[in-house]
Amino acid sequence: MRLRTRKASHRNKPLQLRTDKSTKSSHRAHCVDPKTGTYRGRQVLTVSLED
């Protein structure tokens, strides 16, 4: 029985999404925003627009 109670704590949790204040786009917490390439207000990736 102890095995089942331990497995219950490993269930899937919903993703924690954050909303960017300037662009209003949502992305995962503590990760770079893929649309803008910013992380904590700093530009860390160059994002090219693709048609």
PDB file of N, CA and C in Angstrom:
ATOM      1  N   MET A   1       0.801  -1.200   0.000  1.00  0.00           N
ATOM      2  CA  MET A   1       0.000   0.000   0.000  1.00  0.00           C
ATOM      3  C   MET A   1       0.845   1.267   0.000  1.00  0.00           C
ATOM      4  N   ARG A   2       2.002   1.219   0.574  1.00  0.00           N
ATOM      5  CA  ARG A   2       2.834   2.414   0.619  1.00  0.00           C
ATOM      6  C   ARG A   2       3.280   2.843  -0.773  1.00  0.00           C
ATOM      7  N   LEU A   3       3.460   1.879  -1.656  1.00  0.00           N
ATOM      8  CA  LEU A   3       3.879   2.198  -3.012  1.00  0.00           C
ATOM      9  C   LEU A   3       2.853   3.079  -3.702  1.00  0.00           C
ATOM     10  N   ARG A   4       1.589   2.792  -3.547  1.00  0.00           N
ATOM     11  CA  ARG A   4       0.548   3.589  -4.194  1.00  0.00           C
ATOM     12  C   ARG A   4       0.480   5.008  -3.637  1.00  0.00           C
ATOM     13  N   THR A   5       0.709   5.184  -2.374  1.00  0.00           N
ATOM     14  CA  THR A   5       0.665   6.536  -1.813  1.00  0.00           C
ATOM     15  C   THR A   5       1.852   7.348  -2.298  1.00  0.00           C
ATOM     16  N   ARG A   6       2.983   6.718  -2.517  1.00  0.00           N
ATOM     17  CA  ARG A   6       4.130   7.444  -3.056  1.00  0.00           C
ATOM     18  C   ARG A   6       3.891   7.838  -4.506  1.00  0.00           C
ATOM     19  N   LYS A   7       3.270   6.977  -5.266  1.00  0.00           N
ATOM     20  CA  LYS A   7       2.993   7.284  -6.666  1.00  0.00           C
ATOM     21  C   LYS A   7       1.993   8.419  -6.800  1.00  0.00           C
ATOM     22  N   ALA A   8       1.117   8.576  -5.831  1.00  0.00           N
ATOM     23  CA  ALA A   8       0.107   9.629  -5.898  1.00  0.00           C
ATOM     24  C   ALA A   8       0.760  11.008  -5.865  1.00  0.00           C
ATOM     25  N   SER A   9       1.900  11.129  -5.243  1.00  0.00           N
ATOM     26  CA  SER A   9       2.563  12.428  -5.173  1.00  0.00           C
ATOM     27  C   SER A   9       3.299  12.762  -6.462  1.00  0.00           C
ATOM     28  N   HIS A  10       3.448  11.811  -7.353  1.00  0.00           N
ATOM     29  CA  HIS A  10       4.148  12.031  -8.622  1.00  0.00           C
ATOM     30  C   HIS A  10       3.191  12.301  -9.778  1.00  0.00           C
ATOM     31  N   ARG A  11       1.954  12.625  -9.478  1.00  0.00           N
ATOM     32  CA  ARG A  11       0.981  12.862 -10.553  1.00  0.00           C
ATOM     33  C   ARG A  11       1.346  14.133 -11.319  1.00  0.00           C
ATOM     34  N   ASN A  12       0.799  14.252 -12.501  1.00  0.00           N
ATOM     35  CA  ASN A  12       1.081  15.410 -13.340  1.00  0.00           C
ATOM     36  C   ASN A  12       0.414  16.648 -12.777  1.00  0.00           C
ATOM     37  N   LYS A  13       1.166  17.733 -12.768  1.00  0.00           N
ATOM     38  CA  LYS A  13       0.637  19.000 -12.301  1.00  0.00           C
ATOM     39  C   LYS A  13       0.460  19.913 -13.505  1.00  0.00           C
ATOM     40  N   PRO A  14      -0.500  20.812 -13.483  1.00  0.00           N
ATOM     41  CA  PRO A  14      -0.671  21.727 -14.621  1.00  0.00           C
ATOM     42  C   PRO A  14       0.518  22.684 -14.729  1.00  0.00           C
ATOM     43  N   LEU A  15       0.815  23.097 -15.950  1.00  0.00           N
ATOM     44  CA  LEU A  15       1.922  24.019 -16.166  1.00  0.00           C
ATOM     45  C   LEU A  15       1.624  25.368 -15.528  1.00  0.00           C
ATOM     46  N   GLN A  16       2.669  25.981 -15.000  1.00  0.00           N
ATOM     47  CA  GLN A  16       2.518  27.314 -14.443  1.00  0.00           C
ATOM     48  C   GLN A  16       2.856  28.313 -15.531  1.00  0.00           C
ATOM     49  N   LEU A  17       1.838  28.976 -16.050  1.00  0.00           N
ATOM     50  CA  LEU A  17       2.032  29.938 -17.116  1.00  0.00           C
ATOM     51  C   LEU A  17       2.033  31.350 -16.555  1.00  0.00           C
ATOM     52  N   ARG A  18       2.903  32.168 -17.094  1.00  0.00           N
ATOM     53  CA  ARG A  18       2.981  33.569 -16.712  1.00  0.00           C
ATOM     54  C   ARG A  18       2.620  34.418 -17.916  1.00  0.00           C
ATOM     55  N   THR A  19       2.070  35.585 -17.668  1.00  0.00           N
ATOM     56  CA  THR A  19       1.703  36.505 -18.740  1.00  0.00           C
ATOM     57  C   THR A  19       2.684  37.664 -18.749  1.00  0.00           C
ATOM     58  N   ASP A  20       3.269  37.911 -19.904  1.00  0.00           N
ATOM     59  CA  ASP A  20       4.201  39.031 -20.052  1.00  0.00           C
ATOM     60  C   ASP A  20       3.418  40.337 -19.959  1.00  0.00           C
ATOM     61  N   LYS A  21       3.919  41.273 -19.180  1.00  0.00           N
ATOM     62  CA  LYS A  21       3.197  42.522 -18.955  1.00  0.00           C
ATOM     63  C   LYS A  21       3.135  43.388 -20.206  1.00  0.00           C
ATOM     64  N   SER A  22       4.206  43.406 -20.993  1.00  0.00           N
ATOM     65  CA  SER A  22       4.235  44.308 -22.150  1.00  0.00           C
ATOM     66  C   SER A  22       3.533  43.725 -23.370  1.00  0.00           C
ATOM     67  N   THR A  23       3.700  42.430 -23.648  1.00  0.00           N
ATOM     68  CA  THR A  23       3.121  41.844 -24.855  1.00  0.00           C
ATOM     69  C   THR A  23       1.849  41.045 -24.595  1.00  0.00           C
ATOM     70  N   LYS A  24       1.532  40.791 -23.336  1.00  0.00           N
ATOM     71  CA  LYS A  24       0.342  40.025 -22.943  1.00  0.00           C
ATOM     72  C   LYS A  24       0.360  38.592 -23.478  1.00  0.00           C
ATOM     73  N   SER A  25       1.541  38.058 -23.788  1.00  0.00           N
ATOM     74  CA  SER A  25       1.642  36.671 -24.232  1.00  0.00           C
ATOM     75  C   SER A  25       1.980  35.795 -23.032  1.00  0.00           C
ATOM     76  N   SER A  26       1.498  34.565 -23.038  1.00  0.00           N
ATOM     77  CA  SER A  26       1.753  33.668 -21.917  1.00  0.00           C
ATOM     78  C   SER A  26       2.884  32.711 -22.272  1.00  0.00           C
ATOM     79  N   HIS A  27       3.699  32.397 -21.248  1.00  0.00           N
ATOM     80  CA  HIS A  27       4.811  31.464 -21.422  1.00  0.00           C
ATOM     81  C   HIS A  27       5.065  30.779 -20.091  1.00  0.00           C
ATOM     82  N   ARG A  28       5.876  29.728 -20.089  1.00  0.00           N
ATOM     83  CA  ARG A  28       6.163  28.986 -18.868  1.00  0.00           C
ATOM     84  C   ARG A  28       6.976  29.841 -17.907  1.00  0.00           C
ATOM     85  N   ALA A  29       6.779  29.612 -16.627  1.00  0.00           N
ATOM     86  CA  ALA A  29       7.492  30.369 -15.605  1.00  0.00           C
ATOM     87  C   ALA A  29       8.983  30.019 -15.634  1.00  0.00           C
ATOM     88  N   HIS A  30       9.835  30.990 -15.389  1.00  0.00           N
ATOM     89  CA  HIS A  30      11.288  30.842 -15.336  1.00  0.00           C
ATOM     90  C   HIS A  30      11.876  30.374 -16.664  1.00  0.00           C
ATOM     91  N   CYS A  31      11.228  30.714 -17.770  1.00  0.00           N
ATOM     92  CA  CYS A  31      11.718  30.368 -19.104  1.00  0.00           C
ATOM     93  C   CYS A  31      11.627  31.597 -20.001  1.00  0.00           C
ATOM     94  N   VAL A  32      12.386  31.564 -21.084  1.00  0.00           N
ATOM     95  CA  VAL A  32      12.384  32.665 -22.044  1.00  0.00           C
ATOM     96  C   VAL A  32      11.059  32.679 -22.791  1.00  0.00           C
ATOM     97  N   ASP A  33      10.531  33.866 -23.035  1.00  0.00           N
ATOM     98  CA  ASP A  33       9.313  34.012 -23.829  1.00  0.00           C
ATOM     99  C   ASP A  33       9.671  33.735 -25.283  1.00  0.00           C
ATOM    100  N   PRO A  34       9.128  32.687 -25.897  1.00  0.00           N
ATOM    101  CA  PRO A  34       9.536  32.331 -27.260  1.00  0.00           C
ATOM    102  C   PRO A  34       9.114  33.344 -28.319  1.00  0.00           C
ATOM    103  N   LYS A  35       8.082  34.135 -28.050  1.00  0.00           N
ATOM    104  CA  LYS A  35       7.632  35.102 -29.053  1.00  0.00           C
ATOM    105  C   LYS A  35       8.520  36.332 -29.106  1.00  0.00           C
ATOM    106  N   THR A  36       9.002  36.774 -27.942  1.00  0.00           N
ATOM    107  CA  THR A  36       9.787  38.008 -27.899  1.00  0.00           C
ATOM    108  C   THR A  36      11.263  37.776 -27.630  1.00  0.00           C
ATOM    109  N   GLY A  37      11.625  36.639 -27.031  1.00  0.00           N
ATOM    110  CA  GLY A  37      13.011  36.356 -26.711  1.00  0.00           C
ATOM    111  C   GLY A  37      13.503  37.075 -25.469  1.00  0.00           C
ATOM    112  N   THR A  38      12.589  37.485 -24.592  1.00  0.00           N
ATOM    113  CA  THR A  38      12.976  38.195 -23.379  1.00  0.00           C
ATOM    114  C   THR A  38      12.841  37.292 -22.160  1.00  0.00           C
ATOM    115  N   TYR A  39      13.658  37.569 -21.166  1.00  0.00           N
ATOM    116  CA  TYR A  39      13.596  36.878 -19.888  1.00  0.00           C
ATOM    117  C   TYR A  39      13.843  37.897 -18.793  1.00  0.00           C
ATOM    118  N   ARG A  40      12.879  38.069 -17.926  1.00  0.00           N
ATOM    119  CA  ARG A  40      12.938  39.021 -16.817  1.00  0.00           C
ATOM    120  C   ARG A  40      13.281  40.436 -17.278  1.00  0.00           C
ATOM    121  N   GLY A  41      12.683  40.842 -18.392  1.00  0.00           N
ATOM    122  CA  GLY A  41      12.848  42.200 -18.887  1.00  0.00           C
ATOM    123  C   GLY A  41      14.086  42.428 -19.726  1.00  0.00           C
ATOM    124  N   ARG A  42      14.901  41.401 -19.944  1.00  0.00           N
ATOM    125  CA  ARG A  42      16.113  41.549 -20.755  1.00  0.00           C
ATOM    126  C   ARG A  42      15.996  40.731 -22.035  1.00  0.00           C
ATOM    127  N   GLN A  43      16.532  41.256 -23.116  1.00  0.00           N
ATOM    128  CA  GLN A  43      16.533  40.552 -24.399  1.00  0.00           C
ATOM    129  C   GLN A  43      17.670  39.543 -24.381  1.00  0.00           C
ATOM    130  N   VAL A  44      17.357  38.245 -24.424  1.00  0.00           N
ATOM    131  CA  VAL A  44      18.380  37.227 -24.374  1.00  0.00           C
ATOM    132  C   VAL A  44      18.471  36.403 -25.654  1.00  0.00           C
ATOM    133  N   LEU A  45      17.440  36.436 -26.494  1.00  0.00           N
ATOM    134  CA  LEU A  45      17.440  35.741 -27.776  1.00  0.00           C
ATOM    135  C   LEU A  45      17.035  36.703 -28.869  1.00  0.00           C
ATOM    136  N   THR A  46      17.601  36.510 -30.040  1.00  0.00           N
ATOM    137  CA  THR A  46      17.136  37.286 -31.191  1.00  0.00           C
ATOM    138  C   THR A  46      16.088  36.440 -31.913  1.00  0.00           C
ATOM    139  N   VAL A  47      14.926  37.011 -32.062  1.00  0.00           N
ATOM    140  CA  VAL A  47      13.807  36.308 -32.672  1.00  0.00           C
ATOM    141  C   VAL A  47      13.563  36.906 -34.040  1.00  0.00           C
ATOM    142  N   SER A  48      13.562  36.040 -35.061  1.00  0.00           N
ATOM    143  CA  SER A  48      13.306  36.513 -36.415  1.00  0.00           C
ATOM    144  C   SER A  48      11.854  36.239 -36.770  1.00  0.00           C
ATOM    145  N   LEU A  49      11.267  37.142 -37.516  1.00  0.00           N
ATOM    146  CA  LEU A  49       9.895  36.970 -37.963  1.00  0.00           C
ATOM    147  C   LEU A  49       9.878  36.090 -39.207  1.00  0.00           C
ATOM    148  N   GLU A  50       9.067  35.035 -39.167  1.00  0.00           N
ATOM    149  CA  GLU A  50       8.976  34.147 -40.316  1.00  0.00           C
ATOM    150  C   GLU A  50       7.570  34.224 -40.886  1.00  0.00           C
ATOM    151  N   ASP A  51       7.470  34.279 -42.180  1.00  0.00           N
ATOM    152  CA  ASP A  51       6.171  34.384 -42.853  1.00  0.00           C
ATOM    153  C   ASP A  51       5.641  33.020 -43.201  1.00  0.00           C
TER     154      ASP A  51
END
